[in-house]
C-alpha atoms as a PDB file:
ATOM      1  CA  MET A   1      -9.344  -0.043 -30.046  1.00  0.00           C
ATOM      2  CA  LYS A   2     -12.887  -1.314 -29.791  1.00  0.00           C
ATOM      3  CA  LYS A   3     -15.462   1.420 -29.239  1.00  0.00           C
ATOM      4  CA  ASN A   4     -18.943   1.055 -27.850  1.00  0.00           C
ATOM      5  CA  THR A   5     -21.639   3.049 -29.628  1.00  0.00           C
ATOM      6  CA  PRO A   6     -23.465   5.770 -27.639  1.00  0.00           C
ATOM      7  CA  LEU A   7     -26.733   3.871 -28.059  1.00  0.00           C
ATOM      8  CA  LYS A   8     -25.197   0.700 -26.664  1.00  0.00           C
ATOM      9  CA  LEU A   9     -23.823   2.604 -23.674  1.00  0.00           C
ATOM     10  CA  LYS A  10     -27.224   4.119 -22.836  1.00  0.00           C
ATOM     11  CA  GLU A  11     -28.933   0.731 -23.015  1.00  0.00           C
ATOM     12  CA  PHE A  12     -26.248  -0.791 -20.777  1.00  0.00           C
ATOM     13  CA  VAL A  13     -27.190   1.446 -17.845  1.00  0.00           C
ATOM     14  CA  SER A  14     -30.930   1.742 -18.455  1.00  0.00           C
ATOM     15  CA  LYS A  15     -32.128  -1.537 -16.881  1.00  0.00           C
ATOM     16  CA  PRO A  16     -30.882  -4.798 -15.300  1.00  0.00           C
ATOM     17  CA  LEU A  17     -29.320  -6.997 -17.978  1.00  0.00           C
ATOM     18  CA  PHE A  18     -27.445  -9.434 -15.747  1.00  0.00           C
ATOM     19  CA  ASP A  19     -28.161 -13.085 -15.023  1.00  0.00           C
ATOM     20  CA  GLU A  20     -29.025 -13.352 -11.324  1.00  0.00           C
ATOM     21  CA  LYS A  21     -27.551 -16.845 -11.023  1.00  0.00           C
ATOM     22  CA  ILE A  22     -24.211 -15.698 -12.427  1.00  0.00           C
ATOM     23  CA  ILE A  23     -24.028 -12.722 -10.073  1.00  0.00           C
ATOM     24  CA  LEU A  24     -25.052 -14.628  -6.928  1.00  0.00           C
ATOM     25  CA  ASN A  25     -23.200 -17.911  -7.511  1.00  0.00           C
ATOM     26  CA  LYS A  26     -19.545 -16.951  -7.199  1.00  0.00           C
ATOM     27  CA  ASP A  27     -17.306 -18.889  -9.573  1.00  0.00           C
ATOM     28  CA  PRO A  28     -13.761 -19.291  -8.114  1.00  0.00           C
ATOM     29  CA  ASN A  29     -12.400 -20.081 -11.572  1.00  0.00           C
ATOM     30  CA  TYR A  30     -12.458 -16.319 -12.164  1.00  0.00           C
ATOM     31  CA  PRO A  31     -10.360 -13.883 -10.092  1.00  0.00           C
ATOM     32  CA  LYS A  32     -12.558 -12.044  -7.614  1.00  0.00           C
ATOM     33  CA  ILE A  33     -13.049  -8.379  -8.521  1.00  0.00           C
ATOM     34  CA  SER A  34     -14.017  -6.010  -5.707  1.00  0.00           C
ATOM     35  CA  ILE A  35     -15.630  -2.701  -6.666  1.00  0.00           C
ATOM     36  CA  VAL A  36     -16.317   0.012  -4.100  1.00  0.00           C
ATOM     37  CA  THR A  37     -18.711   2.883  -4.828  1.00  0.00           C
ATOM     38  CA  PRO A  38     -18.546   5.857  -2.470  1.00  0.00           C
ATOM     39  CA  SER A  39     -21.957   7.509  -2.594  1.00  0.00           C
ATOM     40  CA  TYR A  40     -23.390  10.765  -1.312  1.00  0.00           C
ATOM     41  CA  SER A  41     -26.499  12.543  -2.573  1.00  0.00           C
ATOM     42  CA  GLN A  42     -26.235  11.642  -6.252  1.00  0.00           C
ATOM     43  CA  VAL A  43     -29.544   9.861  -6.675  1.00  0.00           C
ATOM     44  CA  GLU A  44     -29.813  11.190 -10.227  1.00  0.00           C
ATOM     45  CA  PHE A  45     -26.881   9.029 -11.359  1.00  0.00           C
ATOM     46  CA  LEU A  46     -26.476   6.283  -8.743  1.00  0.00           C
ATOM     47  CA  GLU A  47     -28.681   3.627 -10.354  1.00  0.00           C
ATOM     48  CA  ARG A  48     -26.807   3.943 -13.653  1.00  0.00           C
ATOM     49  CA  THR A  49     -23.534   3.487 -11.774  1.00  0.00           C
ATOM     50  CA  ILE A  50     -24.835   0.363 -10.023  1.00  0.00           C
ATOM     51  CA  LEU A  51     -26.176  -1.132 -13.253  1.00  0.00           C
ATOM     52  CA  SER A  52     -22.856  -0.550 -15.034  1.00  0.00           C
ATOM     53  CA  VAL A  53     -21.242  -2.775 -12.389  1.00  0.00           C
ATOM     54  CA  LEU A  54     -23.895  -5.498 -12.126  1.00  0.00           C
ATOM     55  CA  ASN A  55     -24.519  -5.624 -15.881  1.00  0.00           C
ATOM     56  CA  GLN A  56     -20.929  -6.737 -16.373  1.00  0.00           C
ATOM     57  CA  ASN A  57     -22.471 -10.122 -15.496  1.00  0.00           C
ATOM     58  CA  TYR A  58     -19.113 -11.095 -14.015  1.00  0.00           C
ATOM     59  CA  PRO A  59     -19.211 -14.468 -12.207  1.00  0.00           C
ATOM     60  CA  ASN A  60     -16.991 -13.543  -9.245  1.00  0.00           C
ATOM     61  CA  LEU A  61     -17.981  -9.994  -8.348  1.00  0.00           C
ATOM     62  CA  GLU A  62     -17.854  -8.357  -4.936  1.00  0.00           C
ATOM     63  CA  TYR A  63     -19.737  -5.044  -4.997  1.00  0.00           C
ATOM     64  CA  ILE A  64     -19.675  -2.708  -2.001  1.00  0.00           C
ATOM     65  CA  ILE A  65     -21.436   0.653  -1.640  1.00  0.00           C
ATOM     66  CA  ILE A  66     -20.506   3.080   1.114  1.00  0.00           C
ATOM     67  CA  ASP A  67     -23.031   5.895   1.367  1.00  0.00           C
ATOM     68  CA  GLY A  68     -22.309   8.978   3.465  1.00  0.00           C
ATOM     69  CA  GLY A  69     -25.802   9.320   4.906  1.00  0.00           C
ATOM     70  CA  SER A  70     -27.718  10.516   1.844  1.00  0.00           C
ATOM     71  CA  THR A  71     -31.294  11.748   2.294  1.00  0.00           C
ATOM     72  CA  ASP A  72     -32.109  12.310  -1.396  1.00  0.00           C
ATOM     73  CA  GLY A  73     -33.407   8.822  -2.215  1.00  0.00           C
ATOM     74  CA  SER A  74     -30.004   7.187  -2.763  1.00  0.00           C
ATOM     75  CA  VAL A  75     -30.614   4.661   0.025  1.00  0.00           C
ATOM     76  CA  GLU A  76     -33.823   3.511  -1.644  1.00  0.00           C
ATOM     77  CA  ILE A  77     -31.888   2.917  -4.880  1.00  0.00           C
ATOM     78  CA  ILE A  78     -29.230   0.935  -2.996  1.00  0.00           C
ATOM     79  CA  LYS A  79     -31.877  -1.198  -1.259  1.00  0.00           C
ATOM     80  CA  LYS A  80     -33.375  -2.002  -4.659  1.00  0.00           C
ATOM     81  CA  TYR A  81     -30.160  -3.881  -5.516  1.00  0.00           C
ATOM     82  CA  GLU A  82     -28.972  -4.959  -2.050  1.00  0.00           C
ATOM     83  CA  LYS A  83     -29.538  -8.633  -2.887  1.00  0.00           C
ATOM     84  CA  TYR A  84     -26.586  -8.409  -5.274  1.00  0.00           C
ATOM     85  CA  LEU A  85     -24.332  -6.359  -2.998  1.00  0.00           C
ATOM     86  CA  THR A  86     -21.698  -7.906  -0.764  1.00  0.00           C
ATOM     87  CA  TYR A  87     -22.035  -5.056   1.706  1.00  0.00           C
ATOM     88  CA  TRP A  88     -23.534  -1.593   1.973  1.00  0.00           C
ATOM     89  CA  VAL A  89     -23.983   1.032   4.640  1.00  0.00           C
ATOM     90  CA  SER A  90     -25.354   4.571   4.881  1.00  0.00           C
ATOM     91  CA  GLU A  91     -23.725   6.625   7.615  1.00  0.00           C
ATOM     92  CA  LYS A  92     -21.706   9.796   8.082  1.00  0.00           C
ATOM     93  CA  ASP A  93     -18.015   9.511   7.256  1.00  0.00           C
ATOM     94  CA  LYS A  94     -14.923  11.703   6.926  1.00  0.00           C
ATOM     95  CA  GLY A  95     -15.318  12.140   3.182  1.00  0.00           C
ATOM     96  CA  GLN A  96     -14.800  10.254  -0.065  1.00  0.00           C
ATOM     97  CA  ALA A  97     -11.378   8.754   0.716  1.00  0.00           C
ATOM     98  CA  ASP A  98     -12.572   7.556   4.111  1.00  0.00           C
ATOM     99  CA  ALA A  99     -15.604   5.918   2.485  1.00  0.00           C
ATOM    100  CA  ILE A 100     -13.429   4.174  -0.115  1.00  0.00           C
ATOM    101  CA  ASN A 101     -10.995   2.878   2.510  1.00  0.00           C
ATOM    102  CA  LYS A 102     -13.941   1.643   4.563  1.00  0.00           C
ATOM    103  CA  GLY A 103     -15.236  -0.238   1.536  1.00  0.00           C
ATOM    104  CA  PHE A 104     -11.921  -1.882   0.721  1.00  0.00           C
ATOM    105  CA  LYS A 105     -11.587  -3.044   4.329  1.00  0.00           C
ATOM    106  CA  LYS A 106     -14.790  -5.026   3.746  1.00  0.00           C
ATOM    107  CA  SER A 107     -13.505  -6.468   0.457  1.00  0.00           C
ATOM    108  CA  THR A 108     -11.676  -9.746  -0.208  1.00  0.00           C
ATOM    109  CA  GLY A 109     -11.026  -9.571  -3.961  1.00  0.00           C
ATOM    110  CA  GLU A 110      -7.745 -10.034  -5.812  1.00  0.00           C
ATOM    111  CA  ILE A 111      -8.470  -7.095  -8.122  1.00  0.00           C
ATOM    112  CA  LEU A 112      -9.692  -3.761  -6.756  1.00  0.00           C
ATOM    113  CA  ALA A 113     -11.165  -0.515  -8.073  1.00  0.00           C
ATOM    114  CA  TRP A 114     -13.560   2.197  -7.030  1.00  0.00           C
ATOM    115  CA  LEU A 115     -16.259   3.751  -9.154  1.00  0.00           C
ATOM    116  CA  ASN A 116     -17.769   7.051  -8.086  1.00  0.00           C
ATOM    117  CA  SER A 117     -21.548   7.262  -7.894  1.00  0.00           C
ATOM    118  CA  ASP A 118     -21.869   9.410 -11.016  1.00  0.00           C
ATOM    119  CA  ASP A 119     -19.534   7.425 -13.324  1.00  0.00           C
ATOM    120  CA  THR A 120     -20.108   4.179 -15.240  1.00  0.00           C
ATOM    121  CA  TYR A 121     -18.157   1.224 -16.614  1.00  0.00           C
ATOM    122  CA  LEU A 122     -18.312   0.124 -20.227  1.00  0.00           C
ATOM    123  CA  PRO A 123     -19.736  -3.314 -21.202  1.00  0.00           C
ATOM    124  CA  GLY A 124     -17.489  -6.373 -20.806  1.00  0.00           C
ATOM    125  CA  ILE A 125     -14.674  -4.606 -18.971  1.00  0.00           C
ATOM    126  CA  PHE A 126     -14.448  -6.945 -15.964  1.00  0.00           C
ATOM    127  CA  TYR A 127     -13.844 -10.003 -18.138  1.00  0.00           C
ATOM    128  CA  LYS A 128     -11.146  -8.087 -19.987  1.00  0.00           C
ATOM    129  CA  ILE A 129      -9.480  -6.879 -16.789  1.00  0.00           C
ATOM    130  CA  ALA A 130      -9.422 -10.408 -15.346  1.00  0.00           C
ATOM    131  CA  LYS A 131      -7.806 -11.684 -18.550  1.00  0.00           C
ATOM    132  CA  ASP A 132      -5.286  -8.819 -18.653  1.00  0.00           C
ATOM    133  CA  PHE A 133      -4.114  -9.452 -15.093  1.00  0.00           C
ATOM    134  CA  ARG A 134      -3.775 -13.190 -15.746  1.00  0.00           C
ATOM    135  CA  GLN A 135      -1.685 -12.536 -18.839  1.00  0.00           C
ATOM    136  CA  ASN A 136       0.425  -9.923 -17.030  1.00  0.00           C
ATOM    137  CA  SER A 137       0.969 -11.486 -13.618  1.00  0.00           C
ATOM    138  CA  GLU A 138       3.866  -9.142 -12.804  1.00  0.00           C
ATOM    139  CA  VAL A 139       1.682  -6.027 -13.215  1.00  0.00           C
ATOM    140  CA  ASP A 140       0.278  -4.253 -10.143  1.00  0.00           C
ATOM    141  CA  LEU A 141      -2.052  -1.775 -11.841  1.00  0.00           C
ATOM    142  CA  ILE A 142      -3.800  -1.682 -15.228  1.00  0.00           C
ATOM    143  CA  PHE A 143      -5.395   1.433 -16.694  1.00  0.00           C
ATOM    144  CA  GLY A 144      -7.324   2.147 -19.874  1.00  0.00           C
ATOM    145  CA  ASN A 145      -8.828   5.060 -21.764  1.00  0.00           C
ATOM    146  CA  ILE A 146     -12.062   6.801 -20.771  1.00  0.00           C
ATOM    147  CA  TYR A 147     -14.945   8.710 -22.325  1.00  0.00           C
ATOM    148  CA  PHE A 148     -16.426  11.926 -20.995  1.00  0.00           C
ATOM    149  CA  ILE A 149     -20.239  11.892 -20.791  1.00  0.00           C
ATOM    150  CA  ASP A 150     -22.887  14.413 -19.755  1.00  0.00           C
ATOM    151  CA  GLU A 151     -25.894  14.107 -17.425  1.00  0.00           C
ATOM    152  CA  LEU A 152     -27.844  12.185 -20.088  1.00  0.00           C
ATOM    153  CA  ASP A 153     -25.027   9.712 -20.858  1.00  0.00           C
ATOM    154  CA  LYS A 154     -24.185  11.493 -24.096  1.00  0.00           C
ATOM    155  CA  ARG A 155     -20.538  11.107 -25.084  1.00  0.00           C
ATOM    156  CA  ILE A 156     -18.887  14.544 -25.167  1.00  0.00           C
ATOM    157  CA  GLY A 157     -15.195  13.653 -25.342  1.00  0.00           C
ATOM    158  CA  GLU A 158     -12.505  11.087 -24.691  1.00  0.00           C
ATOM    159  CA  LEU A 159      -9.196  10.736 -22.924  1.00  0.00           C
ATOM    160  CA  ARG A 160      -6.584   8.397 -24.360  1.00  0.00           C
ATOM    161  CA  PHE A 161      -3.314   7.497 -22.711  1.00  0.00           C
ATOM    162  CA  THR A 162       0.080   6.043 -23.585  1.00  0.00           C
ATOM    163  CA  GLU A 163       2.312   3.630 -21.696  1.00  0.00           C
ATOM    164  CA  PHE A 164       2.891   4.720 -18.113  1.00  0.00           C
ATOM    165  CA  ASP A 165       5.704   7.148 -17.371  1.00  0.00           C
ATOM    166  CA  PHE A 166       6.374   8.395 -13.836  1.00  0.00           C
ATOM    167  CA  SER A 167       7.906  11.676 -15.029  1.00  0.00           C
ATOM    168  CA  THR A 168       4.716  12.457 -16.941  1.00  0.00           C
ATOM    169  CA  LEU A 169       2.666  11.695 -13.818  1.00  0.00           C
ATOM    170  CA  ILE A 170       4.681  14.282 -11.896  1.00  0.00           C
ATOM    171  CA  TYR A 171       5.630  17.019 -14.351  1.00  0.00           C
ATOM    172  CA  GLU A 172       2.490  16.988 -16.490  1.00  0.00           C
ATOM    173  CA  GLY A 173       0.089  16.032 -13.758  1.00  0.00           C
ATOM    174  CA  GLY A 174      -0.980  12.564 -14.823  1.00  0.00           C
ATOM    175  CA  ASN A 175      -1.176   9.959 -17.542  1.00  0.00           C
ATOM    176  CA  LEU A 176      -3.931   7.750 -16.140  1.00  0.00           C
ATOM    177  CA  HIS A 177      -7.435   8.353 -14.789  1.00  0.00           C
ATOM    178  CA  GLN A 178      -8.992   6.789 -11.697  1.00  0.00           C
ATOM    179  CA  THR A 179     -12.260   5.894 -13.457  1.00  0.00           C
ATOM    180  CA  GLY A 180     -10.473   3.530 -15.833  1.00  0.00           C
ATOM    181  CA  THR A 181      -8.017   1.988 -13.370  1.00  0.00           C
ATOM    182  CA  PHE A 182      -7.792  -1.407 -11.599  1.00  0.00           C
ATOM    183  CA  TRP A 183      -5.078  -2.724  -9.280  1.00  0.00           C
ATOM    184  CA  THR A 184      -4.134  -5.714  -7.152  1.00  0.00           C
ATOM    185  CA  ARG A 185      -4.916  -6.103  -3.474  1.00  0.00           C
ATOM    186  CA  LYS A 186      -1.226  -6.723  -2.896  1.00  0.00           C
ATOM    187  CA  ILE A 187      -0.156  -3.260  -4.089  1.00  0.00           C
ATOM    188  CA  TYR A 188      -3.089  -1.570  -2.312  1.00  0.00           C
ATOM    189  CA  GLU A 189      -2.054  -3.069   1.013  1.00  0.00           C
ATOM    190  CA  LYS A 190       1.601  -2.335   0.333  1.00  0.00           C
ATOM    191  CA  VAL A 191       1.095   1.415  -0.161  1.00  0.00           C
ATOM    192  CA  GLY A 192      -1.481   1.699   2.617  1.00  0.00           C
ATOM    193  CA  GLY A 193      -4.722   2.723   0.926  1.00  0.00           C
ATOM    194  CA  LEU A 194      -5.976   6.272   0.433  1.00  0.00           C
ATOM    195  CA  ASN A 195      -5.097   9.384   2.434  1.00  0.00           C
ATOM    196  CA  PHE A 196      -8.452  10.679   3.742  1.00  0.00           C
ATOM    197  CA  ASN A 197      -6.937  14.124   4.366  1.00  0.00           C
ATOM    198  CA  TYR A 198      -7.280  14.815   0.630  1.00  0.00           C
ATOM    199  CA  LYS A 199     -10.698  15.957  -0.541  1.00  0.00           C
ATOM    200  CA  PHE A 200      -9.913  15.987  -4.272  1.00  0.00           C
ATOM    201  CA  CYS A 201      -6.541  14.419  -5.121  1.00  0.00           C
ATOM    202  CA  MET A 202      -6.662  11.233  -3.070  1.00  0.00           C
ATOM    203  CA  ASP A 203      -6.405   9.298  -6.351  1.00  0.00           C
ATOM    204  CA  TYR A 204      -3.343  11.250  -7.587  1.00  0.00           C
ATOM    205  CA  ASP A 205      -1.606  10.693  -4.256  1.00  0.00           C
ATOM    206  CA  PHE A 206      -2.487   6.985  -4.344  1.00  0.00           C
ATOM    207  CA  PHE A 207      -1.240   6.478  -7.920  1.00  0.00           C
ATOM    208  CA  CYS A 208       2.037   8.264  -7.162  1.00  0.00           C
ATOM    209  CA  ARG A 209       2.658   5.867  -4.273  1.00  0.00           C
ATOM    210  CA  VAL A 210       1.683   2.860  -6.371  1.00  0.00           C
ATOM    211  CA  ALA A 211       4.013   4.003  -9.172  1.00  0.00           C
ATOM    212  CA  ASN A 212       6.871   4.235  -6.663  1.00  0.00           C
ATOM    213  CA  GLU A 213       6.349   0.651  -5.539  1.00  0.00           C
ATOM    214  CA  GLY A 214       4.872  -1.297  -8.443  1.00  0.00           C
ATOM    215  CA  LYS A 215       4.486  -1.821 -12.171  1.00  0.00           C
ATOM    216  CA  LEU A 216       1.748  -0.050 -14.146  1.00  0.00           C
ATOM    217  CA  CYS A 217       0.428  -1.111 -17.529  1.00  0.00           C
ATOM    218  CA  HIS A 218      -1.716   0.728 -20.088  1.00  0.00           C
ATOM    219  CA  MET A 219      -4.295  -1.074 -22.227  1.00  0.00           C
ATOM    220  CA  ARG A 220      -5.577   0.828 -25.257  1.00  0.00           C
ATOM    221  CA  ASP A 221      -9.204  -0.167 -24.701  1.00  0.00           C
ATOM    222  CA  PHE A 222     -11.810   2.216 -23.293  1.00  0.00           C
ATOM    223  CA  PHE A 223     -12.778   1.121 -19.779  1.00  0.00           C
ATOM    224  CA  ALA A 224     -15.214   3.653 -18.351  1.00  0.00           C
ATOM    225  CA  ASN A 225     -17.216   6.878 -18.568  1.00  0.00           C
ATOM    226  CA  PHE A 226     -16.408   9.950 -16.488  1.00  0.00           C
ATOM    227  CA  ARG A 227     -19.472  12.130 -16.047  1.00  0.00           C
ATOM    228  CA  MET A 228     -19.227  15.904 -16.400  1.00  0.00           C
ATOM    229  CA  HIS A 229     -21.981  17.837 -14.619  1.00  0.00           C
ATOM    230  CA  ALA A 230     -22.514  20.999 -12.590  1.00  0.00           C
ATOM    231  CA  ASN A 231     -22.332  19.291  -9.180  1.00  0.00           C
ATOM    232  CA  ALA A 232     -19.209  17.236  -9.872  1.00  0.00           C
ATOM    233  CA  LYS A 233     -16.155  17.955  -7.711  1.00  0.00           C
ATOM    234  CA  SER A 234     -14.248  19.009 -10.822  1.00  0.00           C
ATOM    235  CA  SER A 235     -16.799  21.820 -11.121  1.00  0.00           C
ATOM    236  CA  THR A 236     -17.339  22.781  -7.467  1.00  0.00           C
ATOM    237  CA  ILE A 237     -13.989  22.433  -5.623  1.00  0.00           C
ATOM    238  CA  SER A 238     -11.389  22.496  -8.382  1.00  0.00           C
ATOM    239  CA  HIS A 239      -9.433  25.177  -6.461  1.00  0.00           C
ATOM    240  CA  ILE A 240      -8.869  22.677  -3.639  1.00  0.00           C
ATOM    241  CA  GLY A 241      -7.747  20.141  -6.215  1.00  0.00           C
ATOM    242  CA  HIS A 242      -5.097  22.489  -7.618  1.00  0.00           C
ATOM    243  CA  LYS A 243      -3.731  23.134  -4.144  1.00  0.00           C
ATOM    244  CA  GLU A 244      -3.597  19.449  -3.216  1.00  0.00           C
ATOM    245  CA  HIS A 245      -2.069  18.510  -6.556  1.00  0.00           C
ATOM    246  CA  LYS A 246       0.835  20.933  -6.096  1.00  0.00           C
ATOM    247  CA  GLU A 247       1.427  19.678  -2.575  1.00  0.00           C
ATOM    248  CA  ILE A 248       1.657  16.047  -3.720  1.00  0.00           C
ATOM    249  CA  MET A 249       3.751  16.885  -6.774  1.00  0.00           C
ATOM    250  CA  ARG A 250       6.374  18.714  -4.673  1.00  0.00           C
ATOM    251  CA  ARG A 251       7.143  15.475  -2.815  1.00  0.00           C
ATOM    252  CA  TYR A 252       8.629  13.966  -5.969  1.00  0.00           C
ATOM    253  CA  ILE A 253      10.423  17.021  -7.375  1.00  0.00           C
ATOM    254  CA  PRO A 254      13.999  17.782  -6.194  1.00  0.00           C
ATOM    255  CA  LYS A 255      13.979  20.772  -3.826  1.00  0.00           C
ATOM    256  CA  SER A 256      16.869  22.285  -5.769  1.00  0.00           C
ATOM    257  CA  MET A 257      14.884  22.374  -9.041  1.00  0.00           C
ATOM    258  CA  ASN A 258      14.050  25.880 -10.250  1.00  0.00           C
ATOM    259  CA  LYS A 259      11.020  26.848 -12.359  1.00  0.00           C
ATOM    260  CA  TRP A 260      13.015  26.816 -15.627  1.00  0.00           C
ATOM    261  CA  ASN A 261      14.241  23.261 -15.082  1.00  0.00           C
ATOM    262  CA  PHE A 262      10.692  22.286 -14.160  1.00  0.00           C
ATOM    263  CA  ARG A 263       9.360  23.751 -17.407  1.00  0.00           C
ATOM    264  CA  TYR A 264      12.092  21.981 -19.363  1.00  0.00           C
ATOM    265  CA  LYS A 265      11.172  18.648 -17.764  1.00  0.00           C
ATOM    266  CA  LYS A 266       7.508  19.255 -18.564  1.00  0.00           C
ATOM    267  CA  ILE A 267       8.241  20.054 -22.213  1.00  0.00           C
ATOM    268  CA  ILE A 268      10.308  16.885 -22.545  1.00  0.00           C
ATOM    269  CA  CYS A 269       7.403  14.865 -21.115  1.00  0.00           C
ATOM    270  CA  ILE A 270       4.927  16.459 -23.524  1.00  0.00           C
ATOM    271  CA  VAL A 271       7.131  15.806 -26.564  1.00  0.00           C
ATOM    272  CA  ARG A 272       7.752  12.210 -25.483  1.00  0.00           C
ATOM    273  CA  ARG A 273       4.036  11.629 -24.900  1.00  0.00           C
ATOM    274  CA  PHE A 274       3.087  12.999 -28.342  1.00  0.00           C
ATOM    275  CA  TYR A 275       5.695  10.727 -29.908  1.00  0.00           C
ATOM    276  CA  LYS A 276       4.155   7.743 -28.123  1.00  0.00           C
ATOM    277  CA  TYR A 277       0.697   8.697 -29.395  1.00  0.00           C
ATOM    278  CA  ILE A 278       2.051   8.677 -32.945  1.00  0.00           C
ATOM    279  CA  ILE A 279       3.795   5.323 -32.455  1.00  0.00           C
ATOM    280  CA  GLN A 280       0.628   3.653 -31.120  1.00  0.00           C
ATOM    281  CA  GLY A 281      -1.496   5.046 -33.966  1.00  0.00           C
ATOM    282  CA  ASP A 282      -3.416   7.815 -32.207  1.00  0.00           C
ATOM    283  CA  ILE A 283      -2.637  10.556 -34.729  1.00  0.00           C
ATOM    284  CA  ASP A 284      -6.371  11.338 -35.054  1.00  0.00           C
ATOM    285  CA  TYR A 285      -6.533  11.966 -31.302  1.00  0.00           C
ATOM    286  CA  ILE A 286      -3.608  14.399 -31.465  1.00  0.00           C
ATOM    287  CA  LEU A 287      -5.131  16.276 -34.391  1.00  0.00           C
ATOM    288  CA  LYS A 288      -8.489  16.574 -32.610  1.00  0.00           C
ATOM    289  CA  GLY A 289      -6.680  17.974 -29.597  1.00  0.00           C
ATOM    290  CA  PHE A 290      -4.874  20.614 -31.648  1.00  0.00           C
ATOM    291  CA  ILE A 291      -8.087  21.645 -33.408  1.00  0.00           C
ATOM    292  CA  ARG A 292      -9.911  21.898 -30.073  1.00  0.00           C
ATOM    293  CA  ARG A 293      -7.184  24.118 -28.604  1.00  0.00           C
ATOM    294  CA  ILE A 294      -7.183  26.407 -31.635  1.00  0.00           C
ATOM    295  CA  MET A 295     -10.971  26.756 -31.446  1.00  0.00           C
ATOM    296  CA  ASN A 296     -10.821  27.487 -27.720  1.00  0.00           C
ATOM    297  CA  CYS A 297      -8.169  30.172 -28.301  1.00  0.00           C
ATOM    298  CA  GLY A 298     -10.421  31.718 -30.950  1.00  0.00           C
ATOM    299  CA  ARG A 299     -13.349  31.854 -28.520  1.00  0.00           C
ATOM    300  CA  LYS A 300     -11.235  33.540 -25.834  1.00  0.00           C
ATOM    301  CA  LYS A 301     -10.268  36.309 -28.276  1.00  0.00           C
END
């Protein structure tokens, strides 16, 4: 797996690095990639998110930003780059999922993804994604690994995956991450977009429906950065996320299954996933995980 250095990642989101002609003159020889960014009051991170998309310097990009009516300076940041945006709006909506759906309705690309306004893509990912979909024409969704970063773009962790397994998605809670995921318009329209009733787990619900209908493929490259900070949803409304996650999970678990059978299924998934990590050469990742858990247990005592 190729890894970008922390210094390279910081430079990538610090200033415009793209060629204006390449961004504005759409080249149909490349599959059109549509990226939607739902935005609301995250002016501290928004420009870095935008630059991580535009600095891909991808020749057939469609970038859409749907802002929920921010008053913190986000709109001024968006206007700074509006020349390179296909569409943007700042108005009240029904939440993140509603904003994302609204953005995709404005899109026309063959390949879709959304990037939250505090996360960033890694350099060169759009070219890679376009190539991966061309080489795997039967695939509906491609996902990669991600880094965890802090408020200052410092790398503080990583999340690696193995080949997709639906049982792992259900019984363990997931084996892909929205930030590093791209899919086809065909599968998006087939499953019907996002459920705006979910405030936290709209991505988990969406991926479960996609997995039921299509083919998912894991690439061992790192695709994106997921930012950890005090105002992130994972920090502020995680309790809602747990509730929604259980609700979605129950749809795919037999009603007759008791808690012991559930635990057995989960253990089988964990063992199988660890085996896959070993097979694909991620022994170092497993060891780091064990060491981290041991250290965390020590701190709790």
